[in-house]
Amino acid sequence: MAAVLERKCRLCGAMVPAKSTFCSRCGAAAEKSADAGEDKELTDQDRSLFAGDIAIDREIGRGSTAVVYLGFDLELERRVAIKVLLPDIAGDSEMADRFKREAKLVAALNHPNVVPIYGLRNSPTISAIMMQFVDGNSLDVVLRERGSS
């Protein structure tokens, strides 16, 4: 039996690689295929970076460089989004530095259309930005539905 290399997105109809978790066009969660690999979860070592103050619930988004998880800040009792660089990218010091600069630049902004940054976590194996969780569709979906004007 031949392996399934791609499938159609259930929302927009774009072709999605079998191992992708989300559609790159609309951001919709891709349905699992029998041949798709399991999602890589955060390792126990990676989770220990958040131990005691952030409870990680589940993956809510994925891009080419990072995975976004829904978490809960135990001390402040609020939901947070946690953007984590993919392991092969986090190991690249130049990319990890770029990720940190991104967090600092966004944290310096104060605008209703910019999600506030709550914190940054780094270890030799993981780089993560904690930010406000905004429930709703991805930006790609909103722009497609409403237009860019």
N, C-alpha and C. Protein backbone atom coordinates (compact mmCIF):
# COMPACT_ATOMS: atom_id res chain seq x y z
N MET A 1 0.83 -1.18 0.00
CA MET A 1 0.00 0.00 0.00
C MET A 1 0.88 1.24 0.00
N ALA A 2 0.61 2.20 -0.89
CA ALA A 2 1.40 3.42 -1.00
C ALA A 2 1.06 4.38 0.13
N ALA A 3 2.06 5.08 0.62
CA ALA A 3 1.85 6.06 1.68
C ALA A 3 1.11 7.27 1.12
N VAL A 4 0.23 7.87 1.92
CA VAL A 4 -0.48 9.08 1.53
C VAL A 4 0.48 10.26 1.71
N LEU A 5 0.76 11.00 0.63
CA LEU A 5 1.71 12.10 0.69
C LEU A 5 1.03 13.42 1.03
N GLU A 6 -0.24 13.58 0.63
CA GLU A 6 -0.97 14.78 0.97
C GLU A 6 -2.46 14.52 0.92
N ARG A 7 -3.22 15.44 1.50
CA ARG A 7 -4.66 15.34 1.52
C ARG A 7 -5.25 16.74 1.43
N LYS A 8 -6.55 16.83 1.18
CA LYS A 8 -7.19 18.14 1.07
C LYS A 8 -7.61 18.65 2.44
N CYS A 9 -7.44 19.98 2.63
CA CYS A 9 -7.91 20.64 3.85
C CYS A 9 -9.42 20.57 3.87
N ARG A 10 -9.99 20.27 5.03
CA ARG A 10 -11.44 20.14 5.15
C ARG A 10 -12.17 21.47 5.04
N LEU A 11 -11.44 22.61 5.25
CA LEU A 11 -12.09 23.92 5.16
C LEU A 11 -11.90 24.61 3.82
N CYS A 12 -10.64 24.73 3.37
CA CYS A 12 -10.38 25.52 2.17
C CYS A 12 -10.06 24.69 0.94
N GLY A 13 -9.82 23.39 1.10
CA GLY A 13 -9.55 22.53 -0.03
C GLY A 13 -8.11 22.51 -0.51
N ALA A 14 -7.22 23.29 0.15
CA ALA A 14 -5.81 23.28 -0.24
C ALA A 14 -5.20 21.92 0.06
N MET A 15 -4.16 21.58 -0.68
CA MET A 15 -3.46 20.33 -0.43
C MET A 15 -2.54 20.50 0.78
N VAL A 16 -2.63 19.56 1.73
CA VAL A 16 -1.87 19.60 2.97
C VAL A 16 -0.99 18.35 3.02
N PRO A 17 0.33 18.51 3.24
CA PRO A 17 1.19 17.33 3.36
C PRO A 17 0.69 16.41 4.49
N ALA A 18 0.84 15.10 4.29
CA ALA A 18 0.31 14.12 5.24
C ALA A 18 0.83 14.33 6.65
N LYS A 19 2.06 14.78 6.82
CA LYS A 19 2.62 14.93 8.16
C LYS A 19 2.32 16.29 8.78
N SER A 20 1.67 17.20 8.05
CA SER A 20 1.34 18.52 8.59
C SER A 20 0.14 18.41 9.51
N THR A 21 0.17 19.21 10.56
CA THR A 21 -0.92 19.24 11.53
C THR A 21 -1.95 20.30 11.16
N PHE A 22 -1.50 21.37 10.46
CA PHE A 22 -2.38 22.47 10.12
C PHE A 22 -2.21 22.84 8.65
N CYS A 23 -3.28 23.35 8.07
CA CYS A 23 -3.25 23.82 6.69
C CYS A 23 -2.46 25.12 6.63
N SER A 24 -1.50 25.22 5.70
CA SER A 24 -0.70 26.44 5.60
C SER A 24 -1.48 27.59 4.99
N ARG A 25 -2.58 27.31 4.30
CA ARG A 25 -3.37 28.38 3.69
C ARG A 25 -4.36 28.98 4.68
N CYS A 26 -5.15 28.16 5.37
CA CYS A 26 -6.20 28.70 6.24
C CYS A 26 -5.96 28.48 7.73
N GLY A 27 -4.98 27.67 8.10
CA GLY A 27 -4.67 27.45 9.51
C GLY A 27 -5.54 26.42 10.19
N ALA A 28 -6.45 25.79 9.46
CA ALA A 28 -7.34 24.80 10.06
C ALA A 28 -6.55 23.57 10.49
N ALA A 29 -6.97 22.96 11.59
CA ALA A 29 -6.35 21.72 12.03
C ALA A 29 -6.64 20.65 10.98
N ALA A 30 -5.58 19.99 10.53
CA ALA A 30 -5.73 18.94 9.53
C ALA A 30 -6.18 17.66 10.21
N GLU A 31 -7.05 16.93 9.54
CA GLU A 31 -7.47 15.65 10.08
C GLU A 31 -6.33 14.67 9.96
N LYS A 32 -6.20 13.80 10.93
CA LYS A 32 -5.14 12.80 10.93
C LYS A 32 -5.39 11.79 9.82
N SER A 33 -4.33 11.41 9.13
CA SER A 33 -4.44 10.30 8.19
C SER A 33 -3.77 9.09 8.84
N ALA A 34 -4.08 7.95 8.37
CA ALA A 34 -3.52 6.73 8.96
C ALA A 34 -2.01 6.69 8.86
N ASP A 35 -1.45 7.31 7.81
CA ASP A 35 -0.01 7.28 7.60
C ASP A 35 0.72 8.48 8.21
N ALA A 36 -0.02 9.45 8.76
CA ALA A 36 0.63 10.64 9.31
C ALA A 36 1.35 10.29 10.60
N GLY A 37 2.51 10.92 10.80
CA GLY A 37 3.26 10.69 12.02
C GLY A 37 2.59 11.34 13.21
N GLU A 38 2.91 10.89 14.41
CA GLU A 38 2.36 11.49 15.61
C GLU A 38 2.98 12.87 15.81
N ASP A 39 2.22 13.77 16.41
CA ASP A 39 2.76 15.07 16.75
C ASP A 39 3.84 14.91 17.79
N LYS A 40 4.89 15.72 17.68
CA LYS A 40 5.93 15.71 18.68
C LYS A 40 5.46 16.57 19.85
N GLU A 41 5.31 15.96 20.99
CA GLU A 41 4.92 16.70 22.18
C GLU A 41 6.17 17.29 22.81
N LEU A 42 5.96 18.26 23.67
CA LEU A 42 7.08 18.78 24.44
C LEU A 42 7.62 17.66 25.32
N THR A 43 8.93 17.56 25.40
CA THR A 43 9.53 16.54 26.26
C THR A 43 9.35 16.94 27.72
N ASP A 44 9.54 15.99 28.62
CA ASP A 44 9.46 16.30 30.05
C ASP A 44 10.47 17.38 30.42
N GLN A 45 11.66 17.32 29.80
CA GLN A 45 12.69 18.32 30.06
C GLN A 45 12.21 19.71 29.62
N ASP A 46 11.58 19.77 28.43
CA ASP A 46 11.06 21.04 27.94
C ASP A 46 9.93 21.54 28.85
N ARG A 47 9.04 20.65 29.25
CA ARG A 47 7.93 21.03 30.13
C ARG A 47 8.43 21.56 31.47
N SER A 48 9.59 21.06 31.93
CA SER A 48 10.11 21.49 33.22
C SER A 48 10.45 22.98 33.22
N LEU A 49 10.66 23.56 32.05
CA LEU A 49 10.92 24.99 31.94
C LEU A 49 9.71 25.81 32.41
N PHE A 50 8.53 25.21 32.35
CA PHE A 50 7.29 25.89 32.74
C PHE A 50 6.74 25.38 34.07
N ALA A 51 7.36 24.35 34.64
CA ALA A 51 6.84 23.67 35.83
C ALA A 51 6.61 24.67 36.97
N GLY A 52 5.47 24.49 37.62
CA GLY A 52 5.16 25.29 38.78
C GLY A 52 4.36 26.54 38.50
N ASP A 53 4.48 27.11 37.30
CA ASP A 53 3.73 28.33 37.05
C ASP A 53 2.88 28.32 35.77
N ILE A 54 3.21 27.48 34.81
CA ILE A 54 2.42 27.38 33.57
C ILE A 54 2.04 25.92 33.34
N ALA A 55 0.75 25.66 33.21
CA ALA A 55 0.27 24.32 32.85
C ALA A 55 -0.02 24.32 31.35
N ILE A 56 0.63 23.44 30.60
CA ILE A 56 0.43 23.38 29.16
C ILE A 56 -0.69 22.40 28.86
N ASP A 57 -1.69 22.89 28.12
CA ASP A 57 -2.88 22.10 27.83
C ASP A 57 -2.73 21.31 26.53
N ARG A 58 -2.65 22.04 25.39
CA ARG A 58 -2.63 21.35 24.09
C ARG A 58 -2.08 22.27 23.02
N GLU A 59 -1.74 21.66 21.89
CA GLU A 59 -1.29 22.42 20.73
C GLU A 59 -2.49 23.10 20.09
N ILE A 60 -2.30 24.40 19.72
CA ILE A 60 -3.39 25.12 19.07
C ILE A 60 -2.99 25.69 17.71
N GLY A 61 -1.72 25.60 17.36
CA GLY A 61 -1.28 26.11 16.06
C GLY A 61 0.13 25.64 15.76
N ARG A 62 0.46 25.65 14.47
CA ARG A 62 1.79 25.20 14.05
C ARG A 62 2.14 25.91 12.76
N GLY A 63 3.39 26.36 12.69
CA GLY A 63 3.90 27.00 11.48
C GLY A 63 5.20 26.35 11.08
N SER A 64 5.93 27.00 10.21
CA SER A 64 7.17 26.42 9.70
C SER A 64 8.31 26.48 10.72
N THR A 65 8.21 27.38 11.69
CA THR A 65 9.31 27.52 12.66
C THR A 65 8.90 27.28 14.10
N ALA A 66 7.62 27.28 14.40
CA ALA A 66 7.20 27.19 15.80
C ALA A 66 5.86 26.48 15.96
N VAL A 67 5.63 26.04 17.19
CA VAL A 67 4.36 25.44 17.58
C VAL A 67 3.78 26.34 18.68
N VAL A 68 2.46 26.54 18.65
CA VAL A 68 1.80 27.35 19.68
C VAL A 68 0.93 26.44 20.52
N TYR A 69 1.09 26.55 21.83
CA TYR A 69 0.33 25.76 22.78
C TYR A 69 -0.59 26.66 23.58
N LEU A 70 -1.72 26.11 24.01
CA LEU A 70 -2.58 26.78 24.96
C LEU A 70 -2.10 26.38 26.34
N GLY A 71 -1.91 27.36 27.20
CA GLY A 71 -1.47 27.07 28.56
C GLY A 71 -2.29 27.86 29.55
N PHE A 72 -2.01 27.64 30.82
CA PHE A 72 -2.71 28.34 31.89
C PHE A 72 -1.68 28.81 32.90
N ASP A 73 -1.64 30.12 33.13
CA ASP A 73 -0.75 30.71 34.12
C ASP A 73 -1.38 30.46 35.49
N LEU A 74 -0.76 29.58 36.27
CA LEU A 74 -1.33 29.16 37.55
C LEU A 74 -1.36 30.27 38.58
N GLU A 75 -0.36 31.13 38.57
CA GLU A 75 -0.30 32.21 39.56
C GLU A 75 -1.27 33.33 39.25
N LEU A 76 -1.36 33.74 38.00
CA LEU A 76 -2.24 34.84 37.62
C LEU A 76 -3.62 34.37 37.17
N GLU A 77 -3.81 33.07 37.08
CA GLU A 77 -5.10 32.46 36.73
C GLU A 77 -5.66 33.00 35.43
N ARG A 78 -4.87 32.85 34.37
CA ARG A 78 -5.32 33.27 33.04
C ARG A 78 -4.75 32.34 31.99
N ARG A 79 -5.49 32.23 30.86
CA ARG A 79 -5.01 31.43 29.75
C ARG A 79 -3.91 32.20 29.03
N VAL A 80 -2.94 31.48 28.51
CA VAL A 80 -1.84 32.08 27.76
C VAL A 80 -1.56 31.24 26.52
N ALA A 81 -1.01 31.90 25.52
CA ALA A 81 -0.50 31.20 24.35
C ALA A 81 1.01 31.12 24.52
N ILE A 82 1.57 29.95 24.18
CA ILE A 82 3.01 29.74 24.32
C ILE A 82 3.56 29.34 22.96
N LYS A 83 4.35 30.23 22.37
CA LYS A 83 4.97 29.98 21.07
C LYS A 83 6.34 29.37 21.31
N VAL A 84 6.55 28.14 20.85
CA VAL A 84 7.79 27.40 21.09
C VAL A 84 8.47 27.12 19.75
N LEU A 85 9.74 27.53 19.64
CA LEU A 85 10.50 27.22 18.43
C LEU A 85 10.61 25.71 18.26
N LEU A 86 10.51 25.23 17.04
CA LEU A 86 10.70 23.81 16.77
C LEU A 86 12.11 23.41 17.18
N PRO A 87 12.31 22.18 17.67
CA PRO A 87 13.60 21.76 18.23
C PRO A 87 14.80 21.97 17.30
N ASP A 88 14.66 21.65 16.02
CA ASP A 88 15.80 21.82 15.11
C ASP A 88 16.14 23.29 14.89
N ILE A 89 15.17 24.17 15.03
CA ILE A 89 15.40 25.60 14.88
C ILE A 89 15.91 26.21 16.18
N ALA A 90 15.39 25.76 17.32
CA ALA A 90 15.82 26.27 18.62
C ALA A 90 17.30 25.98 18.87
N GLY A 91 17.81 24.90 18.28
CA GLY A 91 19.22 24.55 18.43
C GLY A 91 20.16 25.44 17.65
N ASP A 92 19.62 26.23 16.72
CA ASP A 92 20.41 27.16 15.92
C ASP A 92 20.48 28.48 16.68
N SER A 93 21.67 28.85 17.17
CA SER A 93 21.79 30.03 18.04
C SER A 93 21.35 31.31 17.33
N GLU A 94 21.57 31.41 16.03
CA GLU A 94 21.15 32.59 15.29
C GLU A 94 19.62 32.71 15.28
N MET A 95 18.94 31.59 15.06
CA MET A 95 17.47 31.61 15.06
C MET A 95 16.92 31.87 16.46
N ALA A 96 17.56 31.30 17.48
CA ALA A 96 17.12 31.53 18.86
C ALA A 96 17.28 33.01 19.22
N ASP A 97 18.38 33.64 18.79
CA ASP A 97 18.58 35.07 19.04
C ASP A 97 17.53 35.90 18.30
N ARG A 98 17.21 35.50 17.08
CA ARG A 98 16.19 36.21 16.30
C ARG A 98 14.82 36.12 16.99
N PHE A 99 14.52 34.95 17.51
CA PHE A 99 13.25 34.72 18.23
C PHE A 99 13.19 35.63 19.46
N LYS A 100 14.30 35.74 20.19
CA LYS A 100 14.35 36.60 21.38
C LYS A 100 14.18 38.06 20.99
N ARG A 101 14.80 38.49 19.88
CA ARG A 101 14.63 39.87 19.40
C ARG A 101 13.17 40.14 19.03
N GLU A 102 12.52 39.14 18.40
CA GLU A 102 11.10 39.28 18.05
C GLU A 102 10.28 39.54 19.30
N ALA A 103 10.53 38.76 20.35
CA ALA A 103 9.79 38.92 21.60
C ALA A 103 10.01 40.31 22.20
N LYS A 104 11.25 40.77 22.20
CA LYS A 104 11.56 42.09 22.76
C LYS A 104 10.89 43.21 21.97
N LEU A 105 10.93 43.11 20.64
CA LEU A 105 10.31 44.14 19.80
C LEU A 105 8.79 44.19 20.01
N VAL A 106 8.15 43.04 20.04
CA VAL A 106 6.70 43.00 20.23
C VAL A 106 6.34 43.46 21.64
N ALA A 107 7.15 43.10 22.63
CA ALA A 107 6.88 43.51 24.02
C ALA A 107 6.97 45.03 24.18
N ALA A 108 7.75 45.69 23.32
CA ALA A 108 7.90 47.14 23.41
C ALA A 108 6.70 47.88 22.81
N LEU A 109 5.85 47.17 22.08
CA LEU A 109 4.69 47.79 21.45
C LEU A 109 3.49 47.81 22.39
N ASN A 110 2.67 48.84 22.23
CA ASN A 110 1.42 48.93 22.99
C ASN A 110 0.34 49.40 22.02
N HIS A 111 -0.40 48.43 21.48
CA HIS A 111 -1.42 48.74 20.48
C HIS A 111 -2.54 47.71 20.60
N PRO A 112 -3.79 48.12 20.41
CA PRO A 112 -4.90 47.17 20.55
C PRO A 112 -4.86 45.98 19.58
N ASN A 113 -4.13 46.13 18.46
CA ASN A 113 -4.05 45.05 17.47
C ASN A 113 -2.79 44.21 17.61
N VAL A 114 -2.03 44.41 18.68
CA VAL A 114 -0.82 43.64 18.92
C VAL A 114 -0.99 42.87 20.23
N VAL A 115 -0.77 41.57 20.17
CA VAL A 115 -0.93 40.71 21.35
C VAL A 115 0.21 40.99 22.33
N PRO A 116 -0.13 41.27 23.61
CA PRO A 116 0.91 41.52 24.61
C PRO A 116 1.75 40.28 24.91
N ILE A 117 3.05 40.51 25.09
CA ILE A 117 3.99 39.46 25.47
C ILE A 117 4.07 39.44 26.99
N TYR A 118 3.94 38.25 27.59
CA TYR A 118 4.00 38.12 29.04
C TYR A 118 5.38 37.67 29.53
N GLY A 119 6.13 36.97 28.69
CA GLY A 119 7.43 36.50 29.15
C GLY A 119 8.15 35.70 28.09
N LEU A 120 9.41 35.42 28.38
CA LEU A 120 10.28 34.67 27.49
C LEU A 120 10.98 33.61 28.32
N ARG A 121 11.07 32.40 27.80
CA ARG A 121 11.79 31.32 28.47
C ARG A 121 12.80 30.72 27.50
N ASN A 122 13.98 30.45 28.01
CA ASN A 122 15.03 29.85 27.19
C ASN A 122 15.77 28.79 27.98
N SER A 123 16.18 27.76 27.29
CA SER A 123 17.06 26.73 27.83
C SER A 123 17.92 26.28 26.65
N PRO A 124 18.86 25.39 26.87
CA PRO A 124 19.66 24.91 25.72
C PRO A 124 18.82 24.21 24.65
N THR A 125 17.64 23.69 25.01
CA THR A 125 16.85 22.93 24.05
C THR A 125 15.54 23.59 23.64
N ILE A 126 15.16 24.70 24.27
CA ILE A 126 13.86 25.29 23.97
C ILE A 126 13.90 26.81 24.11
N SER A 127 13.17 27.47 23.21
CA SER A 127 12.95 28.91 23.29
C SER A 127 11.45 29.11 23.18
N ALA A 128 10.87 29.88 24.11
CA ALA A 128 9.42 30.05 24.14
C ALA A 128 9.05 31.48 24.50
N ILE A 129 7.97 31.97 23.86
CA ILE A 129 7.40 33.27 24.17
C ILE A 129 6.00 33.01 24.74
N MET A 130 5.72 33.58 25.92
CA MET A 130 4.39 33.48 26.49
C MET A 130 3.67 34.79 26.22
N MET A 131 2.44 34.68 25.73
CA MET A 131 1.69 35.87 25.34
C MET A 131 0.21 35.69 25.65
N GLN A 132 -0.52 36.79 25.49
CA GLN A 132 -1.96 36.75 25.70
C GLN A 132 -2.58 35.74 24.74
N PHE A 133 -3.53 34.94 25.25
CA PHE A 133 -4.28 34.02 24.39
C PHE A 133 -5.50 34.76 23.87
N VAL A 134 -5.68 34.76 22.55
CA VAL A 134 -6.84 35.36 21.92
C VAL A 134 -7.61 34.25 21.25
N ASP A 135 -8.81 33.98 21.72
CA ASP A 135 -9.62 32.90 21.18
C ASP A 135 -10.24 33.34 19.86
N GLY A 136 -10.21 32.48 18.88
CA GLY A 136 -10.82 32.81 17.60
C GLY A 136 -10.05 32.19 16.45
N ASN A 137 -10.39 32.63 15.24
CA ASN A 137 -9.76 32.12 14.03
C ASN A 137 -8.36 32.70 13.86
N SER A 138 -7.56 32.02 13.05
CA SER A 138 -6.23 32.52 12.72
C SER A 138 -6.36 33.77 11.86
N LEU A 139 -5.30 34.55 11.81
CA LEU A 139 -5.29 35.77 11.00
C LEU A 139 -5.57 35.46 9.54
N ASP A 140 -5.02 34.37 9.03
CA ASP A 140 -5.27 33.99 7.63
C ASP A 140 -6.76 33.81 7.37
N VAL A 141 -7.45 33.15 8.27
CA VAL A 141 -8.88 32.89 8.10
C VAL A 141 -9.66 34.21 8.17
N VAL A 142 -9.33 35.07 9.12
CA VAL A 142 -10.03 36.35 9.27
C VAL A 142 -9.83 37.20 8.02
N LEU A 143 -8.60 37.29 7.51
CA LEU A 143 -8.35 38.08 6.32
C LEU A 143 -9.09 37.53 5.11
N ARG A 144 -9.15 36.22 5.00
CA ARG A 144 -9.85 35.63 3.87
C ARG A 144 -11.35 35.91 3.95
N GLU A 145 -11.91 35.86 5.16
CA GLU A 145 -13.35 36.08 5.34
C GLU A 145 -13.74 37.56 5.21
N ARG A 146 -12.95 38.45 5.78
CA ARG A 146 -13.30 39.87 5.85
C ARG A 146 -12.57 40.75 4.84
N GLY A 147 -11.49 40.25 4.29
CA GLY A 147 -10.65 41.08 3.42
C GLY A 147 -9.64 41.85 4.25
N SER A 148 -8.71 42.49 3.58
CA SER A 148 -7.63 43.18 4.29
C SER A 148 -7.90 44.66 4.54
N SER A 149 -9.03 45.17 4.08
CA SER A 149 -9.29 46.61 4.25
C SER A 149 -9.97 46.91 5.56
